[in-house]
Amino acid sequence: MIGLIPFMAPVYAAIIVILMYFGIKVYVGKRKQSIEKDVGEGICMECGSQVFNKKCPNCDYSKE
């Protein structure tokens, strides 16, 4: 905000900074949700795929 004050009124600088703060909070929250959705129960240490019902769809079914 201090860097914007020489170029515009302090009120506008404060508004821009507040919008940026909440925008970043929303972006990080959405990104965190998408990562949690992709990971699910976990990731297989052998092949890196997503684990379902505590079994890897690639590694566990190939052993059977």
C-alpha atoms as a PDB file:
ATOM      1  CA  MET A   1       0.000   0.000   0.000  1.00  0.00           C
ATOM      2  CA  ILE A   2       2.831   2.368   0.815  1.00  0.00           C
ATOM      3  CA  GLY A   3       4.216   1.886  -2.680  1.00  0.00           C
ATOM      4  CA  LEU A   4       0.917   2.934  -4.264  1.00  0.00           C
ATOM      5  CA  ILE A   5       0.429   6.136  -2.228  1.00  0.00           C
ATOM      6  CA  PRO A   6       2.766   8.327  -4.373  1.00  0.00           C
ATOM      7  CA  PHE A   7       0.799   7.395  -7.494  1.00  0.00           C
ATOM      8  CA  MET A   8      -2.781   7.681  -6.212  1.00  0.00           C
ATOM      9  CA  ALA A   9      -4.881   8.761  -3.259  1.00  0.00           C
ATOM     10  CA  PRO A  10      -4.410   6.707  -0.079  1.00  0.00           C
ATOM     11  CA  VAL A  11      -8.087   5.684  -0.125  1.00  0.00           C
ATOM     12  CA  TYR A  12      -7.738   4.063  -3.545  1.00  0.00           C
ATOM     13  CA  ALA A  13      -4.462   2.425  -2.537  1.00  0.00           C
ATOM     14  CA  ALA A  14      -6.136   0.948   0.552  1.00  0.00           C
ATOM     15  CA  ILE A  15      -9.042  -0.386  -1.516  1.00  0.00           C
ATOM     16  CA  ILE A  16      -6.691  -2.031  -4.011  1.00  0.00           C
ATOM     17  CA  VAL A  17      -4.648  -3.638  -1.235  1.00  0.00           C
ATOM     18  CA  ILE A  18      -7.753  -4.952   0.538  1.00  0.00           C
ATOM     19  CA  LEU A  19      -9.103  -6.434  -2.705  1.00  0.00           C
ATOM     20  CA  MET A  20      -5.738  -8.053  -3.415  1.00  0.00           C
ATOM     21  CA  TYR A  21      -5.612  -9.532   0.105  1.00  0.00           C
ATOM     22  CA  PHE A  22      -9.018 -11.183  -0.151  1.00  0.00           C
ATOM     23  CA  GLY A  23      -8.410 -12.224  -3.759  1.00  0.00           C
ATOM     24  CA  ILE A  24      -5.254 -14.066  -2.763  1.00  0.00           C
ATOM     25  CA  LYS A  25      -7.084 -15.697   0.174  1.00  0.00           C
ATOM     26  CA  VAL A  26      -9.803 -16.984  -2.171  1.00  0.00           C
ATOM     27  CA  TYR A  27      -7.259 -18.213  -4.733  1.00  0.00           C
ATOM     28  CA  VAL A  28      -5.239 -20.104  -2.115  1.00  0.00           C
ATOM     29  CA  GLY A  29      -8.405 -21.647  -0.654  1.00  0.00           C
ATOM     30  CA  LYS A  30      -9.616 -22.868  -4.057  1.00  0.00           C
ATOM     31  CA  ARG A  31      -6.165 -24.220  -4.909  1.00  0.00           C
ATOM     32  CA  LYS A  32      -5.970 -26.063  -1.584  1.00  0.00           C
ATOM     33  CA  GLN A  33      -9.389 -27.646  -2.182  1.00  0.00           C
ATOM     34  CA  SER A  34      -8.411 -28.814  -5.656  1.00  0.00           C
ATOM     35  CA  ILE A  35      -5.202 -30.386  -4.346  1.00  0.00           C
ATOM     36  CA  GLU A  36      -7.092 -32.173  -1.549  1.00  0.00           C
ATOM     37  CA  LYS A  37      -9.635 -33.448  -4.092  1.00  0.00           C
ATOM     38  CA  ASP A  38      -6.880 -34.769  -6.372  1.00  0.00           C
ATOM     39  CA  VAL A  39      -4.998 -36.511  -3.563  1.00  0.00           C
ATOM     40  CA  GLY A  40      -8.072 -38.137  -1.987  1.00  0.00           C
ATOM     41  CA  GLU A  41      -7.032 -40.850   0.486  1.00  0.00           C
ATOM     42  CA  GLY A  42      -3.413 -40.599  -0.533  1.00  0.00           C
ATOM     43  CA  ILE A  43      -0.912 -41.310  -3.267  1.00  0.00           C
ATOM     44  CA  CYS A  44       0.685 -44.673  -4.023  1.00  0.00           C
ATOM     45  CA  MET A  45       4.394 -44.706  -3.217  1.00  0.00           C
ATOM     46  CA  GLU A  46       5.154 -47.118  -6.078  1.00  0.00           C
ATOM     47  CA  CYS A  47       3.427 -45.585  -9.091  1.00  0.00           C
ATOM     48  CA  GLY A  48       2.081 -42.218  -7.836  1.00  0.00           C
ATOM     49  CA  SER A  49      -1.591 -42.807  -8.646  1.00  0.00           C
ATOM     50  CA  GLN A  50      -4.487 -41.939  -6.352  1.00  0.00           C
ATOM     51  CA  VAL A  51      -5.435 -44.514  -3.695  1.00  0.00           C
ATOM     52  CA  PHE A  52      -9.078 -45.769  -3.526  1.00  0.00           C
ATOM     53  CA  ASN A  53     -10.389 -47.861  -0.617  1.00  0.00           C
ATOM     54  CA  LYS A  54      -6.837 -48.152   0.734  1.00  0.00           C
ATOM     55  CA  LYS A  55      -5.728 -49.912  -2.479  1.00  0.00           C
ATOM     56  CA  CYS A  56      -3.817 -48.644  -5.481  1.00  0.00           C
ATOM     57  CA  PRO A  57      -5.769 -49.322  -8.696  1.00  0.00           C
ATOM     58  CA  ASN A  58      -2.552 -50.004 -10.620  1.00  0.00           C
ATOM     59  CA  CYS A  59      -0.302 -51.873  -8.200  1.00  0.00           C
ATOM     60  CA  ASP A  60      -2.774 -53.914  -6.115  1.00  0.00           C
ATOM     61  CA  TYR A  61      -4.830 -55.214  -9.032  1.00  0.00           C
ATOM     62  CA  SER A  62      -1.761 -56.215 -11.032  1.00  0.00           C
ATOM     63  CA  LYS A  63      -0.580 -58.449  -8.159  1.00  0.00           C
ATOM     64  CA  GLU A  64      -3.853 -60.400  -8.016  1.00  0.00           C
END
